[in-house]
Amino acid sequence: MKKRVAVLGATGSVGKSAVDVISRCTDDFELVLLSAHRDREGLEKLGLDWPGAARVLSGGSGGRDQLAAAIAQAKADITINGIAGAAGLEPSMAVIEAGSDLALANKETVVMAGRLVFKRAAEQKVNILPMDSEHSAIFHLIRREAVSVLARRPGEPWNAEPLPKKELDEIILTASGGPFRKSSLEKMKDVSPEAALAHPTWKMGPKISIDSASMANKGLEIIEAARFFNMPPEKIKVVIHPQSIVHSMIRLTDGAVYAQLSRPDMKLPIHQALYWPNNRPTGFGRLDFESLTLEFEKPDTKRFPMLALAREAVRQGGLYPCAYNGANETAVAAFLNREIGFLDIPRIVGYVLDRDWSGEPADIAPVLEADKQAKSMAMSFMKGKA
């Protein structure tokens, strides 16, 4: 029987890759729902290729409610959430409520409300599968190396048999370093949005490209890894790896390091999530080791303070990660609109994080309110600067 698949954010970079993967595997998957924010033309074009799939525009008046209703009606077996930013949280919750497994490229869902999301997934007996290339790599390394980690919490998804006990000592996230890996702070003062969008290895949307340039993306991934795999932030390392071939690594207590290597392409983690818990042959990600050179270096937190701010946010807990994300989203939008400089992004986020965000939310309403407040504070700070 074919798996019924929904793709949220279908006209974005992750969504397009997901639809491409599904188009190659139509004997195994049936596409039942496609959503986009405001790209009506792109969504209509997809509809020509997938006439049997429902289509929803989630932007504008009533869009969120329409999307939630469509998710409930789709009866998908697995839903890919490729929506960018905080806007992806409520659709993730709607997917869980609908009883669908969730393949998650929207890291903000876990950053903003990880505890609540995992709790509800356990209650609904659905799986949350990480689809960021880094967290997908960690997930599969843990599974395949039979590591019974701090990552396995009672009632959490991954419905699999208990694993033998091997201790996970560290998670090592790789980062490309972005377009300013070798740039001085003086040079970064005046960089344009166009320069920040020019990622050397990955093709991504504007927001995540800017996050990669500032390393806020890796900061968000530190928070996501801490919450997804139940690891203390000091056990999550970051290493610069400009080739983006090693997607992440795990180190066990005996010192052995296991790495996942593949091409810098989202199609492989999408394929793995769709077929999980099984494994199927694919041409995605195959490497030619005869011409491969791999480099690693330590990140510079003075030039890229978003890393240190993320560690502090996850260490503080509560709504601090939500505030980190909200302030960053606002600052990135302002930078893309040429309202602030590139180095103003961490200054704005640091200002917002200096407030008290220590409340522990009982449901997502306080999370959404904290996101709103963090964005408002960031806007007020920027207006004061002007």
Protein backbone atom coordinates (compact mmCIF):
# COMPACT_ATOMS: atom_id res chain seq x y z
CA MET A 1 0.00 0.00 0.00
CA LYS A 2 1.28 3.46 -0.89
CA LYS A 3 2.15 5.93 1.86
CA ARG A 4 -0.03 9.04 1.74
CA VAL A 5 2.26 12.11 1.83
CA ALA A 6 1.54 15.79 2.49
CA VAL A 7 4.12 18.48 1.69
CA LEU A 8 3.84 21.82 3.52
CA GLY A 9 5.84 24.66 1.99
CA ALA A 10 5.81 22.80 -1.33
CA THR A 11 7.07 25.74 -3.43
CA GLY A 12 10.12 26.42 -1.22
CA SER A 13 13.54 24.81 -1.58
CA VAL A 14 12.81 21.86 0.73
CA GLY A 15 9.31 21.40 -0.68
CA LYS A 16 10.56 21.31 -4.26
CA SER A 17 13.16 18.70 -3.34
CA ALA A 18 10.49 16.65 -1.55
CA VAL A 19 8.16 16.71 -4.56
CA ASP A 20 11.08 15.68 -6.77
CA VAL A 21 11.87 12.71 -4.52
CA ILE A 22 8.21 11.64 -4.46
CA SER A 23 7.99 11.94 -8.27
CA ARG A 24 10.74 9.31 -8.54
CA CYS A 25 8.96 6.92 -6.17
CA THR A 26 5.31 6.99 -7.26
CA ASP A 27 4.96 3.23 -6.75
CA ASP A 28 5.50 3.81 -3.03
CA PHE A 29 3.96 7.25 -2.32
CA GLU A 30 0.75 9.12 -3.06
CA LEU A 31 0.87 12.91 -2.77
CA VAL A 32 -2.36 14.03 -1.05
CA LEU A 33 -1.71 17.65 0.03
CA LEU A 34 0.43 20.57 -1.15
CA SER A 35 0.64 23.93 0.60
CA ALA A 36 2.38 27.23 -0.05
CA HIS A 37 2.36 30.54 1.78
CA ARG A 38 1.63 33.05 -0.99
CA ASP A 39 3.08 31.48 -4.15
CA ARG A 40 -0.22 30.87 -5.92
CA GLU A 41 1.40 30.48 -9.33
CA GLY A 42 3.89 27.91 -8.05
CA LEU A 43 1.17 25.97 -6.28
CA GLU A 44 -1.06 25.96 -9.36
CA LYS A 45 1.85 24.68 -11.44
CA LEU A 46 2.37 21.82 -9.00
CA GLY A 47 -1.35 21.11 -9.22
CA LEU A 48 -0.98 20.39 -12.95
CA ASP A 49 1.50 17.62 -12.16
CA TRP A 50 -0.40 16.35 -9.11
CA PRO A 51 -4.11 16.83 -9.85
CA GLY A 52 -5.13 14.40 -7.10
CA ALA A 53 -3.49 16.43 -4.32
CA ALA A 54 -5.42 19.09 -2.38
CA ARG A 55 -3.83 22.55 -2.53
CA VAL A 56 -3.88 25.29 0.11
CA LEU A 57 -2.45 28.83 0.30
CA SER A 58 -1.74 29.44 3.99
CA GLY A 59 -0.94 33.16 3.72
CA GLY A 60 -3.57 35.86 4.07
CA SER A 61 -6.82 35.99 6.00
CA GLY A 62 -7.98 32.59 7.19
CA GLY A 63 -5.05 30.80 5.60
CA ARG A 64 -3.84 29.17 8.81
CA ASP A 65 -7.27 27.77 9.61
CA GLN A 66 -7.67 26.49 6.04
CA LEU A 67 -4.30 24.75 6.26
CA ALA A 68 -5.15 23.13 9.60
CA ALA A 69 -8.44 21.87 8.16
CA ALA A 70 -6.70 20.53 5.05
CA ILE A 71 -4.12 18.71 7.20
CA ALA A 72 -6.90 17.06 9.18
CA GLN A 73 -8.76 16.04 6.01
CA ALA A 74 -5.69 14.75 4.13
CA LYS A 75 -5.26 11.68 6.35
CA ALA A 76 -1.57 11.57 5.43
CA ASP A 77 0.66 8.81 6.76
CA ILE A 78 3.60 11.21 6.79
CA THR A 79 3.77 15.00 6.41
CA ILE A 80 6.85 16.93 5.36
CA ASN A 81 6.98 20.37 7.00
CA GLY A 82 9.22 22.55 4.85
CA ILE A 83 7.66 25.84 5.99
CA ALA A 84 10.23 28.50 6.88
CA GLY A 85 10.38 30.13 10.31
CA ALA A 86 8.01 30.38 13.26
CA ALA A 87 5.06 30.04 10.88
CA GLY A 88 5.78 26.31 10.79
CA LEU A 89 4.95 25.64 14.46
CA GLU A 90 1.15 25.60 14.30
CA PRO A 91 1.08 23.40 11.17
CA SER A 92 3.41 20.95 12.94
CA MET A 93 0.97 20.74 15.84
CA ALA A 94 -1.91 20.28 13.40
CA VAL A 95 -0.04 17.39 11.75
CA ILE A 96 0.45 15.68 15.12
CA GLU A 97 -3.20 16.19 16.04
CA ALA A 98 -4.16 14.61 12.71
CA GLY A 99 -2.20 11.47 13.62
CA SER A 100 0.36 11.80 10.84
CA ASP A 101 4.06 11.16 11.26
CA LEU A 102 6.00 14.43 10.91
CA ALA A 103 9.15 14.75 8.78
CA LEU A 104 10.52 18.00 10.09
CA ALA A 105 12.67 20.44 8.16
CA ASN A 106 11.13 23.33 10.12
CA LYS A 107 13.63 23.46 12.97
CA GLU A 108 11.70 26.32 14.62
CA THR A 109 9.03 23.81 15.72
CA VAL A 110 11.54 22.17 18.07
CA VAL A 111 13.42 25.38 18.92
CA MET A 112 10.26 27.18 20.02
CA ALA A 113 8.22 24.39 21.60
CA GLY A 114 10.20 21.14 21.60
CA ARG A 115 8.96 19.82 24.96
CA LEU A 116 5.31 20.45 24.07
CA VAL A 117 5.67 19.02 20.57
CA PHE A 118 7.35 15.81 21.71
CA LYS A 119 4.85 15.35 24.53
CA ARG A 120 1.88 15.64 22.19
CA ALA A 121 3.53 13.35 19.61
CA ALA A 122 3.97 10.69 22.29
CA GLU A 123 0.33 11.02 23.30
CA GLN A 124 -0.79 10.72 19.69
CA LYS A 125 1.69 7.87 19.05
CA VAL A 126 3.21 9.55 16.00
CA ASN A 127 6.85 9.84 15.01
CA ILE A 128 8.79 13.05 14.56
CA LEU A 129 11.63 12.47 12.11
CA PRO A 130 14.33 15.15 11.73
CA MET A 131 14.90 16.16 8.13
CA ASP A 132 17.56 18.84 8.43
CA SER A 133 20.62 17.17 6.93
CA GLU A 134 22.53 17.51 10.22
CA HIS A 135 19.85 16.15 12.52
CA SER A 136 18.87 13.46 10.04
CA ALA A 137 22.51 12.37 10.05
CA ILE A 138 22.60 12.23 13.86
CA PHE A 139 19.29 10.36 14.00
CA HIS A 140 20.45 7.65 11.60
CA LEU A 141 23.91 7.38 13.18
CA ILE A 142 22.30 6.82 16.59
CA ARG A 143 19.93 4.22 15.19
CA ARG A 144 22.52 2.37 13.14
CA GLU A 145 25.22 2.39 15.79
CA ALA A 146 22.64 1.07 18.29
CA VAL A 147 23.29 3.94 20.68
CA SER A 148 20.78 3.99 23.53
CA VAL A 149 21.09 7.65 24.30
CA LEU A 150 19.92 10.35 26.46
CA ALA A 151 18.06 10.73 23.14
CA ARG A 152 15.53 8.02 23.99
CA ARG A 153 12.87 9.42 26.28
CA PRO A 154 9.90 7.46 27.62
CA GLY A 155 7.03 7.59 25.16
CA GLU A 156 8.96 9.53 22.53
CA PRO A 157 8.57 8.54 18.87
CA TRP A 158 10.84 6.33 16.74
CA ASN A 159 8.68 3.28 17.61
CA ALA A 160 11.46 0.72 17.57
CA GLU A 161 12.73 -2.08 19.78
CA PRO A 162 14.92 -1.14 22.80
CA LEU A 163 18.53 -0.68 21.81
CA PRO A 164 21.68 -2.07 23.44
CA LYS A 165 23.39 0.34 25.79
CA LYS A 166 26.17 2.41 24.26
CA GLU A 167 26.84 5.86 25.67
CA LEU A 168 26.78 8.89 23.44
CA ASP A 169 29.42 11.37 24.56
CA GLU A 170 29.09 14.18 22.00
CA ILE A 171 27.10 15.37 19.03
CA ILE A 172 29.26 17.19 16.47
CA LEU A 173 27.36 19.47 14.10
CA THR A 174 29.12 20.52 10.93
CA ALA A 175 28.73 24.02 9.50
CA SER A 176 29.76 25.24 6.07
CA GLY A 177 30.89 28.57 7.48
CA GLY A 178 28.81 30.41 4.88
CA PRO A 179 30.08 33.11 2.52
CA PHE A 180 31.93 35.08 5.25
CA ARG A 181 33.94 32.22 6.74
CA LYS A 182 37.22 34.07 6.15
CA SER A 183 35.92 37.64 6.39
CA SER A 184 37.01 40.07 9.10
CA LEU A 185 34.54 41.89 11.32
CA GLU A 186 35.55 45.11 9.57
CA LYS A 187 34.61 43.67 6.19
CA MET A 188 31.34 42.20 7.48
CA LYS A 189 30.15 45.64 8.62
CA ASP A 190 29.31 46.63 5.08
CA VAL A 191 28.25 43.37 3.41
CA SER A 192 25.14 43.52 1.25
CA PRO A 193 22.16 41.16 1.36
CA GLU A 194 23.26 39.88 -2.06
CA ALA A 195 26.67 38.90 -0.69
CA ALA A 196 25.10 37.18 2.33
CA LEU A 197 22.70 35.24 0.09
CA ALA A 198 25.55 33.83 -2.03
CA HIS A 199 26.04 30.55 -0.17
CA PRO A 200 29.08 28.61 -1.45
CA THR A 201 27.61 25.09 -1.30
CA TRP A 202 23.86 25.01 -0.55
CA LYS A 203 20.91 26.39 -2.55
CA MET A 204 18.39 27.64 0.02
CA GLY A 205 15.71 30.26 0.59
CA PRO A 206 16.64 33.83 1.59
CA LYS A 207 16.04 33.54 5.34
CA ILE A 208 18.03 30.35 5.87
CA SER A 209 20.81 31.67 3.60
CA ILE A 210 21.21 34.75 5.81
CA ASP A 211 21.10 32.52 8.89
CA SER A 212 23.89 30.43 7.41
CA ALA A 213 25.95 33.57 6.76
CA SER A 214 25.54 34.74 10.37
CA MET A 215 25.72 31.15 11.73
CA ALA A 216 22.34 31.70 13.40
CA ASN A 217 21.26 28.59 11.49
CA LYS A 218 23.85 26.57 13.36
CA GLY A 219 22.74 28.24 16.59
CA LEU A 220 19.20 27.09 15.92
CA GLU A 221 20.55 23.61 15.19
CA ILE A 222 22.36 23.53 18.56
CA ILE A 223 19.03 24.25 20.25
CA GLU A 224 17.23 21.70 18.06
CA ALA A 225 19.81 18.99 18.77
CA ALA A 226 19.70 19.67 22.51
CA ARG A 227 15.93 19.29 22.55
CA PHE A 228 15.52 16.56 19.95
CA PHE A 229 18.23 14.30 21.32
CA ASN A 230 17.91 15.36 24.96
CA MET A 231 21.56 16.40 25.19
CA PRO A 232 23.08 19.17 27.33
CA PRO A 233 24.38 22.03 25.16
CA GLU A 234 27.95 21.55 26.34
CA LYS A 235 27.84 18.10 24.70
CA ILE A 236 26.96 19.60 21.31
CA LYS A 237 29.98 20.81 19.38
CA VAL A 238 30.18 22.76 16.12
CA VAL A 239 32.96 22.39 13.58
CA ILE A 240 33.39 24.33 10.33
CA HIS A 241 33.47 22.01 7.31
CA PRO A 242 33.29 24.10 4.11
CA GLN A 243 32.73 21.17 1.72
CA SER A 244 29.42 20.22 3.44
CA ILE A 245 30.08 16.52 2.77
CA VAL A 246 30.15 15.38 6.41
CA HIS A 247 26.66 16.27 7.63
CA SER A 248 27.25 15.52 11.31
CA MET A 249 29.08 13.16 13.63
CA ILE A 250 28.60 11.41 16.96
CA ARG A 251 31.34 10.53 19.45
CA LEU A 252 30.83 7.62 21.85
CA THR A 253 32.35 7.43 25.32
CA ASP A 254 35.04 5.06 24.07
CA GLY A 255 36.26 7.89 21.80
CA ALA A 256 35.07 6.43 18.50
CA VAL A 257 33.58 8.96 16.09
CA TYR A 258 30.95 8.00 13.52
CA ALA A 259 30.12 10.32 10.62
CA GLN A 260 27.50 10.50 7.88
CA LEU A 261 28.82 11.63 4.49
CA SER A 262 26.88 12.50 1.35
CA ARG A 263 26.54 15.30 -1.19
CA PRO A 264 25.14 18.66 -0.01
CA ASP A 265 21.61 17.85 -1.19
CA MET A 266 18.38 17.63 0.82
CA LYS A 267 17.02 14.80 -1.31
CA LEU A 268 18.79 12.06 0.68
CA PRO A 269 17.40 13.03 4.14
CA ILE A 270 13.96 13.48 2.53
CA HIS A 271 14.19 10.01 0.98
CA GLN A 272 15.29 8.51 4.31
CA ALA A 273 12.43 10.17 6.20
CA LEU A 274 9.82 9.02 3.70
CA TYR A 275 10.96 5.40 3.79
CA TRP A 276 11.74 5.23 7.53
CA PRO A 277 12.02 2.79 9.29
CA ASN A 278 13.02 0.97 6.10
CA ASN A 279 15.92 1.69 3.78
CA ARG A 280 15.69 1.79 0.00
CA PRO A 281 18.30 2.24 -2.75
CA THR A 282 18.76 5.73 -4.12
CA GLY A 283 21.19 7.61 -6.33
CA PHE A 284 21.17 10.65 -4.05
CA GLY A 285 24.34 11.54 -2.22
CA ARG A 286 26.80 9.07 -3.73
CA LEU A 287 30.39 10.27 -3.39
CA ASP A 288 33.53 9.85 -5.46
CA PHE A 289 36.27 9.47 -2.84
CA GLU A 290 39.06 9.63 -5.41
CA SER A 291 38.57 13.39 -5.77
CA LEU A 292 37.42 14.23 -2.25
CA THR A 293 39.18 16.61 0.15
CA LEU A 294 37.70 17.35 3.57
CA GLU A 295 38.64 20.31 5.80
CA PHE A 296 37.65 21.11 9.38
CA GLU A 297 38.26 24.14 11.56
CA LYS A 298 37.05 25.71 14.78
CA PRO A 299 34.30 28.36 14.53
CA ASP A 300 35.12 31.90 15.62
CA THR A 301 32.41 33.00 18.06
CA LYS A 302 33.76 36.56 18.13
CA ARG A 303 33.00 36.99 14.45
CA PHE A 304 29.87 34.84 14.69
CA PRO A 305 28.29 35.60 18.09
CA MET A 306 24.97 33.98 17.15
CA LEU A 307 26.51 30.64 18.17
CA ALA A 308 27.24 31.79 21.72
CA LEU A 309 23.84 33.46 22.00
CA ALA A 310 22.13 30.20 21.02
CA ARG A 311 24.09 28.23 23.61
CA GLU A 312 23.07 30.70 26.28
CA ALA A 313 19.44 30.56 25.15
CA VAL A 314 19.24 26.77 25.38
CA ARG A 315 21.14 26.82 28.69
CA GLN A 316 18.60 29.26 30.13
CA GLY A 317 15.71 27.15 28.85
CA GLY A 318 12.11 28.25 29.14
CA LEU A 319 11.17 30.63 26.35
CA TYR A 320 14.72 31.89 25.70
CA PRO A 321 15.12 29.76 22.54
CA CYS A 322 11.78 31.08 21.28
CA ALA A 323 12.96 34.66 21.90
CA TYR A 324 16.25 33.92 20.11
CA ASN A 325 14.36 32.72 17.08
CA GLY A 326 11.80 35.55 17.04
CA ALA A 327 14.40 38.30 17.38
CA ASN A 328 16.54 36.71 14.68
CA GLU A 329 13.63 36.41 12.24
CA THR A 330 12.87 40.11 12.68
CA ALA A 331 16.51 41.14 12.32
CA VAL A 332 17.02 39.01 9.20
CA ALA A 333 13.94 40.53 7.55
CA ALA A 334 15.25 44.02 8.34
CA PHE A 335 18.67 43.18 6.92
CA LEU A 336 17.14 41.83 3.71
CA ASN A 337 15.18 45.11 3.47
CA ARG A 338 18.45 47.06 3.96
CA GLU A 339 17.17 48.64 7.18
CA ILE A 340 20.10 47.40 9.31
CA GLY A 341 23.64 46.13 8.80
CA PHE A 342 24.70 42.51 8.90
CA LEU A 343 26.46 42.87 12.27
CA ASP A 344 23.34 44.42 13.77
CA ILE A 345 21.63 41.00 13.68
CA PRO A 346 23.43 39.58 16.75
CA ARG A 347 23.20 42.94 18.56
CA ILE A 348 19.42 42.89 18.20
CA VAL A 349 19.15 39.25 19.30
CA GLY A 350 21.41 39.92 22.29
CA TYR A 351 19.24 42.88 23.32
CA VAL A 352 16.08 40.76 23.26
CA LEU A 353 17.71 37.88 25.16
CA ASP A 354 18.68 40.29 27.96
CA ARG A 355 15.00 40.31 28.99
CA ASP A 356 13.41 37.65 31.20
CA TRP A 357 12.12 34.68 29.18
CA SER A 358 12.21 32.13 31.97
CA GLY A 359 8.57 31.00 31.86
CA GLU A 360 7.92 27.35 31.03
CA PRO A 361 4.89 27.18 28.67
CA ALA A 362 2.05 24.76 29.38
CA ASP A 363 0.76 24.93 25.80
CA ILE A 364 1.68 26.71 22.57
CA ALA A 365 -0.32 29.89 23.30
CA PRO A 366 2.47 31.33 25.54
CA VAL A 367 5.02 30.26 22.92
CA LEU A 368 3.24 32.20 20.20
CA GLU A 369 2.91 35.19 22.55
CA ALA A 370 6.63 35.08 23.39
CA ASP A 371 7.44 34.97 19.67
CA LYS A 372 5.25 38.03 19.15
CA GLN A 373 6.84 39.90 22.07
CA ALA A 374 10.39 39.07 20.97
CA LYS A 375 9.67 40.38 17.49
CA SER A 376 8.10 43.53 18.91
CA MET A 377 11.13 44.15 21.16
CA ALA A 378 13.46 43.67 18.20
CA MET A 379 11.45 46.18 16.16
CA SER A 380 11.48 48.71 18.99
CA PHE A 381 15.26 48.36 19.35
CA MET A 382 15.75 48.89 15.63
CA LYS A 383 13.54 51.99 15.63
CA GLY A 384 15.52 53.35 18.57
CA LYS A 385 18.75 52.82 16.64
CA ALA A 386 17.35 54.71 13.66
